[in-house]
Amino acid sequence: MAQIVNLIVTGMKCGGCESNVVGKLTALDGVISASANCKENHVSIEFEPEKIEIDDLEDVIIAAGFGVE
């Protein structure tokens, strides 16, 4: 069953940053969808917890150059 997590992501400054984060997340097996809002420092991710864990999602965001609170 799919789960949705909302994360505070720091360092996103523009639509390009949003696209970068969303692209990295949606490329992962187990991620159904993702959306980002740089003005609110917010990322929402729908994923399958039996395939991927929240820590893995956070690691991808950090590897892309952003922070997760």
C-alpha atoms as a PDB file:
ATOM      1  CA  MET A   1       0.000   0.000   0.000  1.00  0.00           C
ATOM      2  CA  ALA A   2       1.358   3.392  -0.997  1.00  0.00           C
ATOM      3  CA  GLN A   3       2.421   5.919   1.605  1.00  0.00           C
ATOM      4  CA  ILE A   4       2.919   9.682   1.350  1.00  0.00           C
ATOM      5  CA  VAL A   5       5.680  11.531   3.176  1.00  0.00           C
ATOM      6  CA  ASN A   6       6.106  15.300   3.322  1.00  0.00           C
ATOM      7  CA  LEU A   7       9.644  16.538   3.864  1.00  0.00           C
ATOM      8  CA  ILE A   8      11.158  19.947   4.532  1.00  0.00           C
ATOM      9  CA  VAL A   9      13.925  20.357   1.947  1.00  0.00           C
ATOM     10  CA  THR A  10      16.337  23.270   2.193  1.00  0.00           C
ATOM     11  CA  GLY A  11      18.418  24.795  -0.570  1.00  0.00           C
ATOM     12  CA  MET A  12      15.843  24.761  -3.365  1.00  0.00           C
ATOM     13  CA  LYS A  13      15.877  28.218  -4.952  1.00  0.00           C
ATOM     14  CA  CYS A  14      14.003  27.853  -8.267  1.00  0.00           C
ATOM     15  CA  GLY A  15      11.960  25.662 -10.551  1.00  0.00           C
ATOM     16  CA  GLY A  16      15.132  23.999 -11.755  1.00  0.00           C
ATOM     17  CA  CYS A  17      15.876  22.874  -8.210  1.00  0.00           C
ATOM     18  CA  GLU A  18      12.337  21.537  -7.908  1.00  0.00           C
ATOM     19  CA  SER A  19      12.723  19.617 -11.179  1.00  0.00           C
ATOM     20  CA  ASN A  20      16.077  18.224 -10.084  1.00  0.00           C
ATOM     21  CA  VAL A  21      14.674  16.865  -6.813  1.00  0.00           C
ATOM     22  CA  VAL A  22      11.531  15.474  -8.435  1.00  0.00           C
ATOM     23  CA  GLY A  23      13.529  13.855 -11.243  1.00  0.00           C
ATOM     24  CA  LYS A  24      15.949  12.147  -8.854  1.00  0.00           C
ATOM     25  CA  LEU A  25      13.107  10.854  -6.689  1.00  0.00           C
ATOM     26  CA  THR A  26      10.842   9.612  -9.466  1.00  0.00           C
ATOM     27  CA  ALA A  27      13.754   7.691 -11.008  1.00  0.00           C
ATOM     28  CA  LEU A  28      13.815   5.455  -7.930  1.00  0.00           C
ATOM     29  CA  ASP A  29      12.088   2.084  -7.949  1.00  0.00           C
ATOM     30  CA  GLY A  30       9.223   2.334  -5.501  1.00  0.00           C
ATOM     31  CA  VAL A  31       8.518   6.044  -5.919  1.00  0.00           C
ATOM     32  CA  ILE A  32       5.114   6.599  -7.472  1.00  0.00           C
ATOM     33  CA  SER A  33       5.157  10.396  -7.627  1.00  0.00           C
ATOM     34  CA  ALA A  34       6.842  13.445  -6.160  1.00  0.00           C
ATOM     35  CA  SER A  35       6.209  17.172  -6.109  1.00  0.00           C
ATOM     36  CA  ALA A  36       8.350  20.025  -4.834  1.00  0.00           C
ATOM     37  CA  ASN A  37       7.735  23.645  -3.890  1.00  0.00           C
ATOM     38  CA  CYS A  38      10.861  25.766  -3.438  1.00  0.00           C
ATOM     39  CA  LYS A  39       8.975  28.705  -1.901  1.00  0.00           C
ATOM     40  CA  GLU A  40       7.682  26.514   0.911  1.00  0.00           C
ATOM     41  CA  ASN A  41      10.780  24.253   1.104  1.00  0.00           C
ATOM     42  CA  HIS A  42       8.403  21.323   0.751  1.00  0.00           C
ATOM     43  CA  VAL A  43       8.618  17.980  -1.034  1.00  0.00           C
ATOM     44  CA  SER A  44       5.781  15.470  -1.072  1.00  0.00           C
ATOM     45  CA  ILE A  45       6.565  11.896  -2.106  1.00  0.00           C
ATOM     46  CA  GLU A  46       4.193   9.003  -2.736  1.00  0.00           C
ATOM     47  CA  PHE A  47       6.073   5.731  -2.461  1.00  0.00           C
ATOM     48  CA  GLU A  48       5.788   2.013  -1.800  1.00  0.00           C
ATOM     49  CA  PRO A  49       7.343   1.336   1.635  1.00  0.00           C
ATOM     50  CA  GLU A  50       7.872  -2.327   0.794  1.00  0.00           C
ATOM     51  CA  LYS A  51      10.276  -1.249  -1.983  1.00  0.00           C
ATOM     52  CA  ILE A  52      12.013   1.836  -0.568  1.00  0.00           C
ATOM     53  CA  GLU A  53      12.464   3.494   2.827  1.00  0.00           C
ATOM     54  CA  ILE A  54      12.181   7.146   3.836  1.00  0.00           C
ATOM     55  CA  ASP A  55      15.911   7.196   4.674  1.00  0.00           C
ATOM     56  CA  ASP A  56      16.657   6.241   1.056  1.00  0.00           C
ATOM     57  CA  LEU A  57      14.493   9.113  -0.189  1.00  0.00           C
ATOM     58  CA  GLU A  58      16.299  11.548   2.101  1.00  0.00           C
ATOM     59  CA  ASP A  59      19.695  10.226   0.966  1.00  0.00           C
ATOM     60  CA  VAL A  60      18.834  10.919  -2.696  1.00  0.00           C
ATOM     61  CA  ILE A  61      17.769  14.477  -1.882  1.00  0.00           C
ATOM     62  CA  ILE A  62      20.989  15.080   0.072  1.00  0.00           C
ATOM     63  CA  ALA A  63      23.090  13.550  -2.725  1.00  0.00           C
ATOM     64  CA  ALA A  64      21.438  16.031  -5.117  1.00  0.00           C
ATOM     65  CA  GLY A  65      22.851  18.879  -3.006  1.00  0.00           C
ATOM     66  CA  PHE A  66      19.918  19.792  -0.804  1.00  0.00           C
ATOM     67  CA  GLY A  67      19.219  19.504   2.914  1.00  0.00           C
ATOM     68  CA  VAL A  68      16.445  17.597   4.646  1.00  0.00           C
ATOM     69  CA  GLU A  69      15.040  18.661   8.008  1.00  0.00           C
END
